[in-house]
């Protein structure tokens, strides 16, 4: 049984659906407010604002002094010369931004680039919302990460990351976090590894319009430290989700919230369902979001969260999309049973052609020994494969290929539909790709075609593949 914390008040329903800002775009509309943001200046006046690179504490974060380098201030006027995007987020080639060239050259290996903010005060329970625009392009560009570092600690907590290419576009991002002590924000641009044959190709990781907002401005995101944010207990179900900070039953509940498990930070909260008496098997608790606008059909956003499902009687956790016009519902993600005594990351794409709500539905299992907890809900731009694989609806076709092929198979030879077969392989078994998309590591798996010992094509995080049936 989990120990309940102070419950939050219901969030007032907003009159207009909120946008998830899932789509990328080539320019931010002129006239948008930049108050409190760093736009990195313009031609002849580029500036770091309150940021520095590589940062005053960079040496303390690495045992290898060659493991980091500085971001570069630049504008689109220099893009064809030194690299970086052709324009800033306003579409002006004279506007400033920070970028890191990720390509390697003979005798000059590309390194991790580190940018660090000035010292920030504790966020308070409501947290802070870090907003920014980013561009990741080129074969040698690997990853963009945002971390929080305590002033008196060597540990850093990752609050946002992506390995997805924007292909010349700028995409908007937001990260909600809480921290109990003075701290800095660290932004890392990660190039391809030195064993990746693509690391010689030009590429960049860029960032612009970077700044802090009050926590409530991170629409749909919640760490539950300051309450339930934009999430409410639904009416008409059997019981409510509660806010908790720890557990009184080491068999069923998380000892700490997800972010404090990740680092040495104290404090933190999560939402959970308590399966003890008077709950009965098949009782249902629903946690629902505010209304969101319809998503971009070509670029739906991705919702990521962490769940703790421990105990031999754990029931079912599902994520449901509800059309607010027709009131129709469809299950996007569902997992049942004991998942072990750890926080597990889950993610799924959100796609709807009309305004919608997202609902977390938890069902009590048998014999009522096992609570379900949720923490750190984030929404990021760009589609994603459903994780874990088994949470996907059978008709979705989503597959990361980490556990199996999810029902995908090569056509039988007698059908005479093709000449080659896809193979499920580890990234370490071939020259490239040197890692898979799901894990970003060499031990990840993907589907692969090998023709005359030369790789022609590979699939990772497939959501639709007409070559497999």
Protein backbone atom coordinates (compact mmCIF):
# COMPACT_ATOMS: atom_id res chain seq x y z
CA UNK A 1 0.00 0.00 0.00
CA UNK A 2 1.32 3.43 -0.92
CA UNK A 3 1.42 6.35 1.43
CA UNK A 4 -0.81 9.09 0.03
CA UNK A 5 0.39 12.65 -0.09
CA UNK A 6 -1.62 15.85 -0.13
CA UNK A 7 -4.23 15.68 -2.85
CA UNK A 8 -4.44 18.48 -5.39
CA UNK A 9 -7.45 20.49 -6.42
CA UNK A 10 -9.11 19.78 -9.73
CA UNK A 11 -7.63 21.73 -12.61
CA UNK A 12 -10.17 24.12 -14.12
CA UNK A 13 -11.16 22.96 -17.60
CA UNK A 14 -9.90 25.29 -20.30
CA UNK A 15 -12.41 26.58 -22.83
CA UNK A 16 -10.19 25.95 -25.84
CA UNK A 17 -8.26 22.74 -26.64
CA UNK A 18 -4.51 23.06 -26.26
CA UNK A 19 -2.01 22.32 -28.98
CA UNK A 20 0.72 19.75 -28.42
CA UNK A 21 3.01 21.54 -30.92
CA UNK A 22 3.93 18.28 -32.53
CA UNK A 23 4.79 19.59 -35.98
CA UNK A 24 8.12 20.96 -37.08
CA UNK A 25 8.32 24.18 -39.06
CA UNK A 26 10.95 26.13 -40.87
CA UNK A 27 10.33 29.40 -39.07
CA UNK A 28 8.68 30.81 -35.98
CA UNK A 29 6.12 33.47 -36.89
CA UNK A 30 7.45 36.98 -36.53
CA UNK A 31 5.94 38.82 -33.61
CA UNK A 32 6.05 35.86 -31.19
CA UNK A 33 7.24 37.05 -27.80
CA UNK A 34 10.83 36.26 -26.87
CA UNK A 35 10.50 37.62 -23.34
CA UNK A 36 12.67 35.54 -21.02
CA UNK A 37 14.17 33.58 -23.91
CA UNK A 38 17.66 33.56 -25.35
CA UNK A 39 17.49 33.97 -29.13
CA UNK A 40 21.32 34.12 -29.30
CA UNK A 41 21.26 37.54 -31.00
CA UNK A 42 21.88 38.31 -34.66
CA UNK A 43 24.66 39.08 -37.14
CA UNK A 44 27.43 41.16 -35.52
CA UNK A 45 25.73 40.80 -32.14
CA UNK A 46 25.46 37.09 -31.31
CA UNK A 47 25.29 36.43 -27.58
CA UNK A 48 25.24 33.56 -25.09
CA UNK A 49 22.76 35.45 -22.84
CA UNK A 50 22.92 33.62 -19.48
CA UNK A 51 24.52 30.52 -20.98
CA UNK A 52 28.15 29.51 -21.38
CA UNK A 53 29.98 26.82 -23.29
CA UNK A 54 31.51 24.44 -22.48
CA UNK A 55 30.44 25.63 -19.02
CA UNK A 56 32.24 26.31 -15.73
CA UNK A 57 31.74 22.78 -14.39
CA UNK A 58 32.47 20.83 -17.57
CA UNK A 59 35.79 19.46 -16.31
CA UNK A 60 34.16 17.96 -13.25
CA UNK A 61 31.73 15.97 -15.38
CA UNK A 62 34.29 13.94 -17.29
CA UNK A 63 37.36 11.88 -16.59
CA UNK A 64 38.54 12.59 -20.12
CA UNK A 65 39.26 16.24 -20.88
CA UNK A 66 38.76 15.50 -24.58
CA UNK A 67 35.22 14.25 -24.01
CA UNK A 68 33.55 17.62 -24.46
CA UNK A 69 33.93 20.80 -26.44
CA UNK A 70 32.11 24.10 -26.98
CA UNK A 71 28.97 24.89 -28.91
CA UNK A 72 29.40 27.57 -31.59
CA UNK A 73 27.45 30.83 -31.89
CA UNK A 74 26.53 31.48 -35.51
CA UNK A 75 23.88 32.61 -38.00
CA UNK A 76 22.48 31.27 -41.25
CA UNK A 77 24.80 33.55 -43.22
CA UNK A 78 27.68 31.29 -42.15
CA UNK A 79 25.87 27.97 -42.64
CA UNK A 80 27.50 27.05 -45.95
CA UNK A 81 30.89 27.98 -44.55
CA UNK A 82 31.09 26.64 -40.97
CA UNK A 83 27.84 24.64 -40.77
CA UNK A 84 24.54 24.90 -38.92
CA UNK A 85 20.98 25.65 -40.13
CA UNK A 86 20.35 28.07 -43.00
CA UNK A 87 18.00 30.23 -40.85
CA UNK A 88 17.10 30.76 -37.23
CA UNK A 89 13.60 29.97 -35.95
CA UNK A 90 12.17 33.23 -37.35
CA UNK A 91 13.25 32.21 -40.87
CA UNK A 92 15.90 34.95 -40.96
CA UNK A 93 19.39 33.91 -42.07
CA UNK A 94 20.82 36.77 -39.98
CA UNK A 95 19.32 35.52 -36.72
CA UNK A 96 21.60 33.86 -34.18
CA UNK A 97 21.58 30.36 -32.77
CA UNK A 98 23.98 27.93 -31.09
CA UNK A 99 25.09 24.82 -32.96
CA UNK A 100 27.63 22.01 -32.89
CA UNK A 101 29.24 20.57 -36.03
CA UNK A 102 29.12 16.79 -35.55
CA UNK A 103 31.34 15.52 -38.38
CA UNK A 104 34.78 14.03 -37.78
CA UNK A 105 37.88 14.58 -39.91
CA UNK A 106 41.19 12.70 -40.15
CA UNK A 107 42.97 13.34 -36.87
CA UNK A 108 40.05 15.40 -35.52
CA UNK A 109 37.36 13.30 -33.90
CA UNK A 110 34.04 15.05 -33.23
CA UNK A 111 33.41 15.47 -29.50
CA UNK A 112 30.48 15.95 -27.19
CA UNK A 113 29.55 19.65 -26.93
CA UNK A 114 28.35 21.03 -23.59
CA UNK A 115 26.37 24.22 -22.92
CA UNK A 116 25.48 25.24 -19.35
CA UNK A 117 23.14 27.82 -17.84
CA UNK A 118 23.86 30.18 -15.01
CA UNK A 119 22.95 28.99 -11.51
CA UNK A 120 19.20 28.46 -11.06
CA UNK A 121 17.33 28.60 -7.77
CA UNK A 122 15.24 25.65 -6.54
CA UNK A 123 12.17 25.29 -8.72
CA UNK A 124 9.54 24.84 -6.05
CA UNK A 125 6.88 22.13 -6.21
CA UNK A 126 5.28 23.50 -9.39
CA UNK A 127 8.55 23.05 -11.28
CA UNK A 128 9.96 24.96 -14.23
CA UNK A 129 9.17 24.58 -17.91
CA UNK A 130 12.21 24.76 -20.18
CA UNK A 131 11.17 25.66 -23.72
CA UNK A 132 13.35 25.73 -26.81
CA UNK A 133 13.57 25.00 -30.53
CA UNK A 134 16.02 22.50 -31.96
CA UNK A 135 17.38 21.25 -35.28
CA UNK A 136 19.16 17.91 -35.78
CA UNK A 137 20.38 17.21 -39.32
CA UNK A 138 23.03 15.17 -41.10
CA UNK A 139 24.39 11.62 -40.95
CA UNK A 140 26.89 12.40 -38.20
CA UNK A 141 24.36 14.02 -35.83
CA UNK A 142 23.40 11.52 -33.14
CA UNK A 143 21.56 13.02 -30.18
CA UNK A 144 20.48 16.13 -28.26
CA UNK A 145 20.16 15.86 -24.46
CA UNK A 146 19.03 18.23 -21.70
CA UNK A 147 20.11 17.52 -18.11
CA UNK A 148 19.87 19.06 -14.65
CA UNK A 149 22.98 19.20 -12.44
CA UNK A 150 23.08 20.10 -8.75
CA UNK A 151 25.75 22.63 -7.82
CA UNK A 152 27.27 20.37 -5.17
CA UNK A 153 26.77 17.09 -7.02
CA UNK A 154 28.44 15.22 -9.86
CA UNK A 155 25.17 13.50 -10.79
CA UNK A 156 23.04 14.76 -13.63
CA UNK A 157 19.40 13.91 -14.34
CA UNK A 158 18.27 13.69 -17.96
CA UNK A 159 14.98 15.54 -18.41
CA UNK A 160 14.71 15.46 -22.22
CA UNK A 161 16.47 13.79 -25.15
CA UNK A 162 15.97 12.97 -28.83
CA UNK A 163 17.81 11.11 -31.57
CA UNK A 164 15.31 11.97 -34.31
CA UNK A 165 16.31 14.06 -37.30
CA UNK A 166 14.40 17.26 -38.09
CA UNK A 167 15.74 17.29 -41.69
CA UNK A 168 16.24 21.03 -42.00
CA UNK A 169 13.25 22.05 -39.89
CA UNK A 170 13.16 23.62 -36.44
CA UNK A 171 10.99 21.77 -33.91
CA UNK A 172 9.63 23.09 -30.64
CA UNK A 173 10.32 21.24 -27.39
CA UNK A 174 9.41 21.60 -23.73
CA UNK A 175 10.72 19.90 -20.61
CA UNK A 176 9.13 20.09 -17.16
CA UNK A 177 11.35 19.44 -14.15
CA UNK A 178 11.62 20.06 -10.41
CA UNK A 179 14.78 20.37 -8.33
CA UNK A 180 15.13 21.05 -4.62
CA UNK A 181 18.57 22.74 -4.65
CA UNK A 182 20.52 25.30 -6.64
CA UNK A 183 21.37 23.82 -10.02
CA UNK A 184 22.30 24.41 -13.65
CA UNK A 185 20.78 23.24 -16.92
CA UNK A 186 23.19 21.34 -19.20
CA UNK A 187 22.53 20.95 -22.94
CA UNK A 188 24.60 18.31 -24.74
CA UNK A 189 25.06 17.80 -28.49
CA UNK A 190 26.21 14.25 -29.20
CA UNK A 191 27.98 13.30 -32.48
CA UNK A 192 28.07 9.82 -34.01
CA UNK A 193 30.57 7.47 -32.37
CA UNK A 194 34.09 7.17 -33.69
CA UNK A 195 33.32 3.65 -35.00
CA UNK A 196 30.35 4.87 -37.02
CA UNK A 197 31.35 5.10 -40.72
CA UNK A 198 28.91 7.99 -41.14
CA UNK A 199 30.79 10.22 -38.68
CA UNK A 200 32.77 11.86 -41.51
CA UNK A 201 29.64 13.32 -43.11
CA UNK A 202 28.57 16.87 -42.32
CA UNK A 203 25.89 17.30 -39.69
CA UNK A 204 24.79 19.57 -36.87
CA UNK A 205 22.79 19.84 -33.66
CA UNK A 206 21.40 23.35 -33.16
CA UNK A 207 19.28 25.12 -30.54
CA UNK A 208 17.46 28.46 -30.44
CA UNK A 209 14.93 30.48 -28.41
CA UNK A 210 15.94 28.83 -25.16
CA UNK A 211 14.34 29.93 -21.92
CA UNK A 212 12.45 29.15 -18.74
CA UNK A 213 8.74 29.47 -18.01
CA UNK A 214 6.52 28.65 -15.02
CA UNK A 215 5.87 24.93 -14.74
CA UNK A 216 2.20 25.16 -15.69
CA UNK A 217 3.16 26.35 -19.18
CA UNK A 218 4.39 22.85 -20.06
CA UNK A 219 1.05 21.75 -21.48
CA UNK A 220 0.21 18.11 -20.77
CA UNK A 221 3.49 17.45 -18.94
CA UNK A 222 3.53 16.51 -15.26
CA UNK A 223 6.00 15.27 -12.63
CA UNK A 224 3.27 15.39 -9.91
CA UNK A 225 5.52 17.17 -7.40
CA UNK A 226 3.14 20.13 -7.28
CA UNK A 227 -0.15 18.32 -7.89
CA UNK A 228 -1.81 16.79 -10.91
CA UNK A 229 -1.04 19.60 -13.38
CA UNK A 230 -3.36 19.23 -16.41
CA UNK A 231 -4.62 15.79 -15.30
CA UNK A 232 -7.86 15.15 -13.41
CA UNK A 233 -9.65 12.21 -11.84
CA UNK A 234 -12.55 11.33 -14.14
CA UNK A 235 -16.14 11.14 -12.97
CA UNK A 236 -18.18 7.97 -13.19
CA UNK A 237 -15.41 5.46 -12.44
CA UNK A 238 -15.06 3.35 -9.28
CA UNK A 239 -12.32 5.21 -7.40
CA UNK A 240 -9.61 7.86 -7.81
CA UNK A 241 -5.91 8.07 -8.51
CA UNK A 242 -3.96 9.57 -5.58
CA UNK A 243 -0.68 11.42 -5.18
CA UNK A 244 1.98 9.56 -3.19
CA UNK A 245 5.63 9.91 -2.22
CA UNK A 246 6.56 6.40 -1.10
CA UNK A 247 5.21 3.04 -0.09
CA UNK A 248 4.29 1.17 3.07
CA UNK A 249 4.41 -2.14 1.21
CA UNK A 250 7.83 -3.00 -0.29
CA UNK A 251 6.24 -5.77 -2.36
CA UNK A 252 3.85 -3.60 -4.35
CA UNK A 253 4.81 0.06 -4.47
CA UNK A 254 7.74 2.25 -5.60
CA UNK A 255 10.02 3.38 -2.74
CA UNK A 256 10.66 6.73 -4.46
CA UNK A 257 9.51 8.68 -7.46
CA UNK A 258 11.24 8.14 -10.80
CA UNK A 259 13.45 11.25 -10.88
CA UNK A 260 14.81 10.83 -7.34
CA UNK A 261 15.66 7.21 -8.13
CA UNK A 262 17.65 8.48 -11.13
CA UNK A 263 19.84 10.80 -9.03
CA UNK A 264 20.53 11.78 -5.43
CA UNK A 265 17.79 14.39 -5.27
CA UNK A 266 15.34 14.02 -2.40
CA UNK A 267 11.64 14.60 -2.64
CA UNK A 268 9.37 13.87 -5.56
CA UNK A 269 5.92 12.42 -6.06
CA UNK A 270 3.87 10.26 -8.40
CA UNK A 271 0.24 9.22 -8.91
CA UNK A 272 -0.93 5.71 -8.08
CA UNK A 273 -3.91 3.48 -7.47
CA UNK A 274 -4.20 1.68 -4.12
CA UNK A 275 -5.45 -1.89 -4.63
CA UNK A 276 -6.04 -2.65 -0.93
CA UNK A 277 -9.44 -2.91 0.78
CA UNK A 278 -12.10 -1.69 0.02
CA UNK A 279 -11.06 -2.14 -3.62
CA UNK A 280 -12.31 -5.19 -5.49
CA UNK A 281 -11.00 -6.96 -8.61
CA UNK A 282 -12.01 -5.16 -11.83
CA UNK A 283 -12.57 -1.80 -10.10
CA UNK A 284 -11.54 0.99 -12.49
CA UNK A 285 -9.78 4.34 -11.89
CA UNK A 286 -9.40 6.89 -14.68
CA UNK A 287 -7.04 9.87 -14.93
CA UNK A 288 -7.80 12.18 -17.85
CA UNK A 289 -6.03 15.09 -19.52
CA UNK A 290 -7.38 18.44 -20.61
CA UNK A 291 -8.59 18.73 -24.22
CA UNK A 292 -5.93 18.86 -26.92
CA UNK A 293 -6.25 20.06 -30.48
CA UNK A 294 -6.12 17.62 -33.37
CA UNK A 295 -2.59 16.54 -34.28
CA UNK A 296 -0.60 17.00 -37.47
CA UNK A 297 -1.44 13.89 -39.55
CA UNK A 298 2.11 13.76 -40.90
CA UNK A 299 3.89 14.39 -37.62
CA UNK A 300 1.95 13.21 -34.54
CA UNK A 301 3.54 13.88 -31.15
CA UNK A 302 4.87 11.21 -28.83
CA UNK A 303 3.77 10.80 -25.20
CA UNK A 304 6.33 9.28 -22.84
CA UNK A 305 5.81 8.31 -19.20
CA UNK A 306 7.17 5.97 -16.52
CA UNK A 307 5.17 3.27 -14.78
CA UNK A 308 5.73 1.06 -11.73
CA UNK A 309 3.68 -2.16 -11.72
CA UNK A 310 4.86 -4.58 -9.02
CA UNK A 311 3.06 -7.44 -7.26
CA UNK A 312 1.56 -10.78 -8.21
CA UNK A 313 -1.93 -9.31 -8.36
CA UNK A 314 -1.21 -6.28 -10.56
CA UNK A 315 -4.09 -5.57 -12.93
CA UNK A 316 -4.05 -3.61 -16.19
CA UNK A 317 -2.87 -0.12 -17.15
CA UNK A 318 -4.18 1.28 -20.44
CA UNK A 319 -3.81 4.57 -22.31
CA UNK A 320 -7.01 5.54 -24.12
CA UNK A 321 -7.64 8.30 -26.66
CA UNK A 322 -11.12 9.81 -26.36
CA UNK A 323 -12.61 11.87 -29.22
CA UNK A 324 -14.29 14.78 -27.43
CA UNK A 325 -16.74 15.33 -30.31
CA UNK A 326 -18.05 11.78 -30.81
CA UNK A 327 -17.04 10.50 -27.32
CA UNK A 328 -15.63 7.40 -29.03
CA UNK A 329 -12.61 5.80 -27.36
CA UNK A 330 -9.78 3.61 -28.60
CA UNK A 331 -7.01 1.89 -26.67
CA UNK A 332 -3.54 3.07 -27.76
CA UNK A 333 -1.43 1.24 -25.18
CA UNK A 334 -2.10 -1.50 -22.62
CA UNK A 335 0.01 -3.65 -20.24
CA UNK A 336 -1.06 -6.17 -17.60
CA UNK A 337 0.64 -7.99 -14.77
CA UNK A 338 3.81 -7.72 -12.73
CA UNK A 339 6.59 -5.71 -14.43
CA UNK A 340 9.15 -5.94 -11.64
CA UNK A 341 10.26 -3.57 -8.88
CA UNK A 342 11.47 -0.75 -11.08
CA UNK A 343 10.29 2.28 -13.01
CA UNK A 344 9.86 1.37 -16.69
CA UNK A 345 9.73 3.86 -19.56
CA UNK A 346 6.74 3.68 -21.88
CA UNK A 347 5.85 5.70 -24.96
CA UNK A 348 3.24 5.88 -27.70
CA UNK A 349 2.28 8.17 -30.59
CA UNK A 350 -0.79 10.42 -30.21
CA UNK A 351 -2.72 10.86 -33.45
CA UNK A 352 -6.21 12.32 -33.86
CA UNK A 353 -8.01 14.30 -36.57
CA UNK A 354 -10.28 15.99 -34.00
CA UNK A 355 -9.92 17.41 -30.46
CA UNK A 356 -9.20 14.66 -27.94
CA UNK A 357 -8.37 13.70 -24.38
CA UNK A 358 -5.85 11.15 -23.13
CA UNK A 359 -7.00 8.80 -20.37
CA UNK A 360 -4.90 6.58 -18.09
CA UNK A 361 -7.16 3.71 -17.04
CA UNK A 362 -6.08 1.33 -14.24
CA UNK A 363 -8.00 -1.86 -13.43
CA UNK A 364 -7.59 -3.72 -10.13
CA UNK A 365 -6.29 -7.26 -10.61
CA UNK A 366 -6.70 -10.51 -8.70
CA UNK A 367 -5.96 -11.03 -5.80
CA UNK A 368 -5.64 -7.26 -5.28
CA UNK A 369 -1.94 -7.45 -4.41
CA UNK A 370 -0.22 -4.90 -6.62
CA UNK A 371 -0.52 -1.15 -7.05
CA UNK A 372 0.04 0.81 -10.27
CA UNK A 373 1.97 4.12 -10.31
CA UNK A 374 2.72 6.70 -13.03
CA UNK A 375 5.35 9.46 -13.08
CA UNK A 376 6.98 12.05 -15.36
CA UNK A 377 4.54 12.40 -18.25
CA UNK A 378 6.16 14.20 -21.19
CA UNK A 379 5.04 14.99 -24.72
CA UNK A 380 7.65 15.46 -27.43
CA UNK A 381 7.40 16.42 -31.08
CA UNK A 382 7.64 13.74 -33.73
CA UNK A 383 6.22 10.23 -33.96
CA UNK A 384 7.60 7.27 -32.05
CA UNK A 385 7.19 3.51 -31.84
CA UNK A 386 5.12 2.14 -28.98
CA UNK A 387 7.15 0.84 -26.03
CA UNK A 388 7.13 -1.82 -24.79
CA UNK A 389 6.23 -3.80 -27.93
CA UNK A 390 3.56 -5.83 -26.17
CA UNK A 391 1.66 -2.66 -25.23
CA UNK A 392 0.77 -1.97 -28.88
CA UNK A 393 -2.75 -2.78 -30.08
CA UNK A 394 -2.58 -5.91 -32.28
CA UNK A 395 -3.61 -3.95 -35.37
CA UNK A 396 -1.04 -1.14 -34.99
CA UNK A 397 1.96 -2.88 -36.57
CA UNK A 398 4.34 -0.98 -34.29
CA UNK A 399 7.54 -2.88 -33.57
CA UNK A 400 10.97 -2.02 -32.19
CA UNK A 401 12.33 -5.54 -32.91
CA UNK A 402 14.03 -5.58 -29.49
CA UNK A 403 12.14 -8.62 -28.17
CA UNK A 404 10.88 -10.30 -31.35
CA UNK A 405 9.39 -9.43 -34.76
CA UNK A 406 5.93 -8.70 -33.31
CA UNK A 407 4.19 -10.91 -35.85
CA UNK A 408 6.01 -9.50 -38.89
CA UNK A 409 7.47 -12.20 -41.14
CA UNK A 410 9.09 -12.64 -44.52
CA UNK A 411 6.79 -13.92 -47.30
CA UNK A 412 7.01 -17.65 -47.91
CA UNK A 413 9.31 -18.73 -50.73
CA UNK A 414 6.43 -20.30 -52.60
CA UNK A 415 4.66 -16.93 -52.83
CA UNK A 416 7.51 -15.57 -55.00
CA UNK A 417 6.97 -12.01 -53.79
CA UNK A 418 10.61 -11.08 -53.28
CA UNK A 419 14.16 -12.31 -53.59
CA UNK A 420 15.69 -11.44 -50.20
CA UNK A 421 14.72 -11.79 -46.56
CA UNK A 422 14.91 -9.35 -43.71
CA UNK A 423 16.96 -10.65 -40.77
CA UNK A 424 16.57 -9.61 -37.13
CA UNK A 425 20.14 -8.81 -36.07
CA UNK A 426 22.14 -6.93 -33.46
CA UNK A 427 23.88 -3.74 -34.52
CA UNK A 428 27.23 -5.24 -33.49
CA UNK A 429 26.94 -7.97 -36.14
CA UNK A 430 27.51 -5.64 -39.12
CA UNK A 431 29.59 -2.61 -39.99
CA UNK A 432 26.68 -0.19 -39.98
CA UNK A 433 24.31 0.96 -38.62
CA UNK A 434 26.54 0.88 -35.54
CA UNK A 435 23.56 1.10 -33.18
CA UNK A 436 19.80 0.72 -33.35
CA UNK A 437 17.31 3.54 -33.10
CA UNK A 438 15.37 2.31 -30.08
CA UNK A 439 18.20 2.02 -27.57
CA UNK A 440 20.93 4.02 -29.29
CA UNK A 441 23.37 1.23 -28.38
CA UNK A 442 25.30 -1.46 -30.20
CA UNK A 443 23.42 -4.24 -28.43
CA UNK A 444 20.10 -3.07 -29.85
CA UNK A 445 18.36 -5.02 -32.60
CA UNK A 446 16.81 -4.10 -35.93
CA UNK A 447 15.70 -5.75 -39.17
CA UNK A 448 18.29 -5.91 -41.88
CA UNK A 449 18.86 -6.96 -45.49
CA UNK A 450 22.26 -8.34 -46.40
CA UNK A 451 22.94 -8.60 -50.17
CA UNK A 452 26.32 -10.02 -51.20
CA UNK A 453 27.60 -9.15 -47.72
CA UNK A 454 26.71 -5.50 -48.27
CA UNK A 455 23.85 -3.94 -46.26
CA UNK A 456 21.34 -2.27 -48.53
CA UNK A 457 18.56 -1.45 -46.12
CA UNK A 458 17.66 -1.65 -42.45
CA UNK A 459 14.52 -1.12 -40.42
CA UNK A 460 14.30 0.19 -36.85
CA UNK A 461 11.18 1.21 -34.94
CA UNK A 462 9.01 0.20 -37.87
CA UNK A 463 5.40 1.33 -37.76
CA UNK A 464 4.55 0.21 -41.26
CA UNK A 465 6.58 -1.95 -43.62
CA UNK A 466 5.09 -3.29 -46.80
CA UNK A 467 8.08 -5.55 -47.43
CA UNK A 468 7.19 -7.62 -44.36
CA UNK A 469 3.86 -9.39 -44.07
